[in-house]
């Protein structure tokens, strides 16, 4: 989805070229497959952050809602792939795209918690589409 005039400004990732020294990518590869991560790279350029607070991030990624709630230690999303991946404790490309689009230090902190077996994070399925849609 291309942002339209009046839409929330899309977060632009200056350089989303794979970089082997990027710890975020290493941690994301623990959470998703390389092909999904490659698709997340493309989607990261189109992330529209709707809410950005110290403990809550809500975004539209390809017209899907993604919620990362740090206080509740949960990721909420609704695409069909997330439904399947969440059962295995894995992420889909939409959640990975948001993590790539976020401030790197913040994303890294979230990923460190997500990949910690004792982190207590929950992956929850929510309504698939919503506030990111136009028309």
C-alpha atoms as a PDB file:
ATOM      1  CA  UNK A   1       0.000   0.000   0.000  1.00  0.00           C
ATOM      2  CA  UNK A   2       1.441   3.333  -1.032  1.00  0.00           C
ATOM      3  CA  UNK A   3       0.837   6.134   1.479  1.00  0.00           C
ATOM      4  CA  UNK A   4      -1.579   8.765   0.227  1.00  0.00           C
ATOM      5  CA  UNK A   5      -1.559  12.476   1.096  1.00  0.00           C
ATOM      6  CA  UNK A   6      -3.016  12.870   4.555  1.00  0.00           C
ATOM      7  CA  UNK A   7      -2.050   9.322   5.628  1.00  0.00           C
ATOM      8  CA  UNK A   8       0.278   8.748   8.529  1.00  0.00           C
ATOM      9  CA  UNK A   9       3.831   9.106   7.301  1.00  0.00           C
ATOM     10  CA  UNK A  10       5.383   5.767   6.402  1.00  0.00           C
ATOM     11  CA  UNK A  11       8.510   4.801   8.244  1.00  0.00           C
ATOM     12  CA  UNK A  12      11.350   4.655   5.759  1.00  0.00           C
ATOM     13  CA  UNK A  13      14.175   2.252   6.353  1.00  0.00           C
ATOM     14  CA  UNK A  14      17.281   3.943   4.933  1.00  0.00           C
ATOM     15  CA  UNK A  15      19.055   0.727   4.009  1.00  0.00           C
ATOM     16  CA  UNK A  16      17.283  -2.572   4.350  1.00  0.00           C
ATOM     17  CA  UNK A  17      19.949  -4.463   2.428  1.00  0.00           C
ATOM     18  CA  UNK A  18      20.827  -7.646   4.275  1.00  0.00           C
ATOM     19  CA  UNK A  19      23.820  -7.119   6.546  1.00  0.00           C
ATOM     20  CA  UNK A  20      25.376 -10.110   8.296  1.00  0.00           C
ATOM     21  CA  UNK A  21      26.498  -7.921  11.197  1.00  0.00           C
ATOM     22  CA  UNK A  22      22.953  -6.771  11.979  1.00  0.00           C
ATOM     23  CA  UNK A  23      21.943  -8.550  15.180  1.00  0.00           C
ATOM     24  CA  UNK A  24      18.294  -7.810  14.421  1.00  0.00           C
ATOM     25  CA  UNK A  25      18.515 -10.015  11.338  1.00  0.00           C
ATOM     26  CA  UNK A  26      20.234 -12.782  13.254  1.00  0.00           C
ATOM     27  CA  UNK A  27      17.468 -12.727  15.852  1.00  0.00           C
ATOM     28  CA  UNK A  28      14.745 -12.459  13.200  1.00  0.00           C
ATOM     29  CA  UNK A  29      16.154 -15.575  11.557  1.00  0.00           C
ATOM     30  CA  UNK A  30      15.476 -17.375  14.826  1.00  0.00           C
ATOM     31  CA  UNK A  31      11.849 -16.222  14.520  1.00  0.00           C
ATOM     32  CA  UNK A  32      11.173 -16.687  10.807  1.00  0.00           C
ATOM     33  CA  UNK A  33      12.517 -18.276   7.637  1.00  0.00           C
ATOM     34  CA  UNK A  34      14.974 -16.522   5.285  1.00  0.00           C
ATOM     35  CA  UNK A  35      12.350 -16.222   2.509  1.00  0.00           C
ATOM     36  CA  UNK A  36       9.894 -14.533   4.876  1.00  0.00           C
ATOM     37  CA  UNK A  37      12.633 -12.191   6.054  1.00  0.00           C
ATOM     38  CA  UNK A  38      13.403 -11.250   2.438  1.00  0.00           C
ATOM     39  CA  UNK A  39       9.725 -10.418   1.895  1.00  0.00           C
ATOM     40  CA  UNK A  40       9.732  -8.463   5.170  1.00  0.00           C
ATOM     41  CA  UNK A  41      12.583  -6.345   3.784  1.00  0.00           C
ATOM     42  CA  UNK A  42      10.328  -5.203   0.944  1.00  0.00           C
ATOM     43  CA  UNK A  43       7.344  -4.615   3.240  1.00  0.00           C
ATOM     44  CA  UNK A  44       9.399  -2.632   5.782  1.00  0.00           C
ATOM     45  CA  UNK A  45       9.377   0.327   3.412  1.00  0.00           C
ATOM     46  CA  UNK A  46       5.575   0.463   3.546  1.00  0.00           C
ATOM     47  CA  UNK A  47       5.030   0.212   7.296  1.00  0.00           C
ATOM     48  CA  UNK A  48       2.681   2.884   8.607  1.00  0.00           C
ATOM     49  CA  UNK A  49       3.115   3.375  12.320  1.00  0.00           C
ATOM     50  CA  UNK A  50      -0.206   4.399  13.858  1.00  0.00           C
ATOM     51  CA  UNK A  51       0.827   4.414  17.539  1.00  0.00           C
ATOM     52  CA  UNK A  52       4.378   4.701  18.832  1.00  0.00           C
ATOM     53  CA  UNK A  53       4.670   4.879  22.604  1.00  0.00           C
ATOM     54  CA  UNK A  54       7.336   3.639  24.969  1.00  0.00           C
ATOM     55  CA  UNK A  55       5.508   0.348  25.508  1.00  0.00           C
ATOM     56  CA  UNK A  56       3.060   0.096  22.593  1.00  0.00           C
ATOM     57  CA  UNK A  57       3.504  -0.014  18.824  1.00  0.00           C
ATOM     58  CA  UNK A  58       0.577  -0.346  16.440  1.00  0.00           C
ATOM     59  CA  UNK A  59       1.192  -0.380  12.706  1.00  0.00           C
ATOM     60  CA  UNK A  60      -0.386  -1.132   9.371  1.00  0.00           C
ATOM     61  CA  UNK A  61       1.785  -3.415   7.276  1.00  0.00           C
ATOM     62  CA  UNK A  62       0.374  -4.160   3.825  1.00  0.00           C
ATOM     63  CA  UNK A  63      -3.073  -3.278   5.244  1.00  0.00           C
ATOM     64  CA  UNK A  64      -2.735  -5.779   8.103  1.00  0.00           C
ATOM     65  CA  UNK A  65      -2.729  -4.638  11.718  1.00  0.00           C
ATOM     66  CA  UNK A  66       0.304  -5.448  13.870  1.00  0.00           C
ATOM     67  CA  UNK A  67       0.392  -4.683  17.598  1.00  0.00           C
ATOM     68  CA  UNK A  68       3.478  -5.036  19.790  1.00  0.00           C
ATOM     69  CA  UNK A  69       2.607  -4.464  23.432  1.00  0.00           C
ATOM     70  CA  UNK A  70       5.743  -4.426  25.567  1.00  0.00           C
ATOM     71  CA  UNK A  71       3.939  -4.137  28.889  1.00  0.00           C
ATOM     72  CA  UNK A  72       1.702  -7.147  28.199  1.00  0.00           C
ATOM     73  CA  UNK A  73       4.542  -8.976  26.400  1.00  0.00           C
ATOM     74  CA  UNK A  74       2.450  -9.818  23.379  1.00  0.00           C
ATOM     75  CA  UNK A  75       2.403  -9.530  19.616  1.00  0.00           C
ATOM     76  CA  UNK A  76      -1.036  -9.389  18.008  1.00  0.00           C
ATOM     77  CA  UNK A  77      -1.626  -9.830  14.304  1.00  0.00           C
ATOM     78  CA  UNK A  78      -4.128 -11.421  11.966  1.00  0.00           C
ATOM     79  CA  UNK A  79      -2.768 -12.702   8.667  1.00  0.00           C
ATOM     80  CA  UNK A  80      -3.243 -16.364   7.801  1.00  0.00           C
ATOM     81  CA  UNK A  81       0.501 -17.029   7.874  1.00  0.00           C
ATOM     82  CA  UNK A  82       0.794 -15.581  11.386  1.00  0.00           C
ATOM     83  CA  UNK A  83      -1.943 -17.943  12.556  1.00  0.00           C
ATOM     84  CA  UNK A  84       0.160 -20.898  11.426  1.00  0.00           C
ATOM     85  CA  UNK A  85       3.523 -19.457  12.455  1.00  0.00           C
ATOM     86  CA  UNK A  86       2.384 -18.359  15.921  1.00  0.00           C
ATOM     87  CA  UNK A  87       1.537 -21.969  16.792  1.00  0.00           C
ATOM     88  CA  UNK A  88       5.243 -22.701  16.352  1.00  0.00           C
ATOM     89  CA  UNK A  89       6.355 -19.546  18.163  1.00  0.00           C
ATOM     90  CA  UNK A  90       7.435 -17.956  14.867  1.00  0.00           C
ATOM     91  CA  UNK A  91       6.670 -14.650  13.114  1.00  0.00           C
ATOM     92  CA  UNK A  92       5.238 -13.827   9.706  1.00  0.00           C
ATOM     93  CA  UNK A  93       6.674 -11.281   7.266  1.00  0.00           C
ATOM     94  CA  UNK A  94       4.365  -8.490   8.495  1.00  0.00           C
ATOM     95  CA  UNK A  95       5.609  -8.624  12.087  1.00  0.00           C
ATOM     96  CA  UNK A  96       9.193  -8.954  10.855  1.00  0.00           C
ATOM     97  CA  UNK A  97       8.674  -5.924   8.590  1.00  0.00           C
ATOM     98  CA  UNK A  98       7.527  -3.814  11.542  1.00  0.00           C
ATOM     99  CA  UNK A  99      10.580  -4.884  13.542  1.00  0.00           C
ATOM    100  CA  UNK A 100      12.814  -3.931  10.607  1.00  0.00           C
ATOM    101  CA  UNK A 101      11.097  -0.548  10.261  1.00  0.00           C
ATOM    102  CA  UNK A 102      11.339   0.345  13.951  1.00  0.00           C
ATOM    103  CA  UNK A 103      14.217   2.195  15.564  1.00  0.00           C
ATOM    104  CA  UNK A 104      16.974  -0.461  15.531  1.00  0.00           C
ATOM    105  CA  UNK A 105      17.732  -0.293  19.267  1.00  0.00           C
ATOM    106  CA  UNK A 106      14.047  -0.682  20.160  1.00  0.00           C
ATOM    107  CA  UNK A 107      13.569  -3.570  17.728  1.00  0.00           C
ATOM    108  CA  UNK A 108      16.688  -5.258  19.036  1.00  0.00           C
ATOM    109  CA  UNK A 109      15.399  -5.071  22.603  1.00  0.00           C
ATOM    110  CA  UNK A 110      12.065  -6.579  21.554  1.00  0.00           C
ATOM    111  CA  UNK A 111      13.751  -9.337  19.562  1.00  0.00           C
ATOM    112  CA  UNK A 112      16.026 -10.227  22.451  1.00  0.00           C
ATOM    113  CA  UNK A 113      12.939 -10.668  24.634  1.00  0.00           C
ATOM    114  CA  UNK A 114      11.001 -12.572  21.960  1.00  0.00           C
ATOM    115  CA  UNK A 115      13.823 -15.049  21.445  1.00  0.00           C
ATOM    116  CA  UNK A 116      14.396 -15.590  25.165  1.00  0.00           C
ATOM    117  CA  UNK A 117      12.720 -18.901  26.078  1.00  0.00           C
ATOM    118  CA  UNK A 118      11.889 -17.442  29.492  1.00  0.00           C
ATOM    119  CA  UNK A 119      10.644 -14.145  28.027  1.00  0.00           C
ATOM    120  CA  UNK A 120       6.978 -14.991  28.528  1.00  0.00           C
ATOM    121  CA  UNK A 121       5.819 -13.425  25.241  1.00  0.00           C
ATOM    122  CA  UNK A 122       2.485 -14.344  23.644  1.00  0.00           C
ATOM    123  CA  UNK A 123       1.695 -14.401  19.934  1.00  0.00           C
ATOM    124  CA  UNK A 124      -2.038 -13.732  19.539  1.00  0.00           C
ATOM    125  CA  UNK A 125      -4.206 -13.745  16.433  1.00  0.00           C
ATOM    126  CA  UNK A 126      -6.506 -10.708  15.988  1.00  0.00           C
ATOM    127  CA  UNK A 127      -8.846  -9.483  13.231  1.00  0.00           C
ATOM    128  CA  UNK A 128      -6.905  -9.619   9.986  1.00  0.00           C
ATOM    129  CA  UNK A 129      -7.565  -6.237   8.380  1.00  0.00           C
ATOM    130  CA  UNK A 130      -8.502  -2.805   9.554  1.00  0.00           C
ATOM    131  CA  UNK A 131      -7.071   0.643  10.086  1.00  0.00           C
ATOM    132  CA  UNK A 132      -4.366   0.481   7.418  1.00  0.00           C
ATOM    133  CA  UNK A 133      -6.828   0.177   4.539  1.00  0.00           C
ATOM    134  CA  UNK A 134      -7.819   2.921   2.181  1.00  0.00           C
ATOM    135  CA  UNK A 135     -10.833   3.176  -0.087  1.00  0.00           C
END
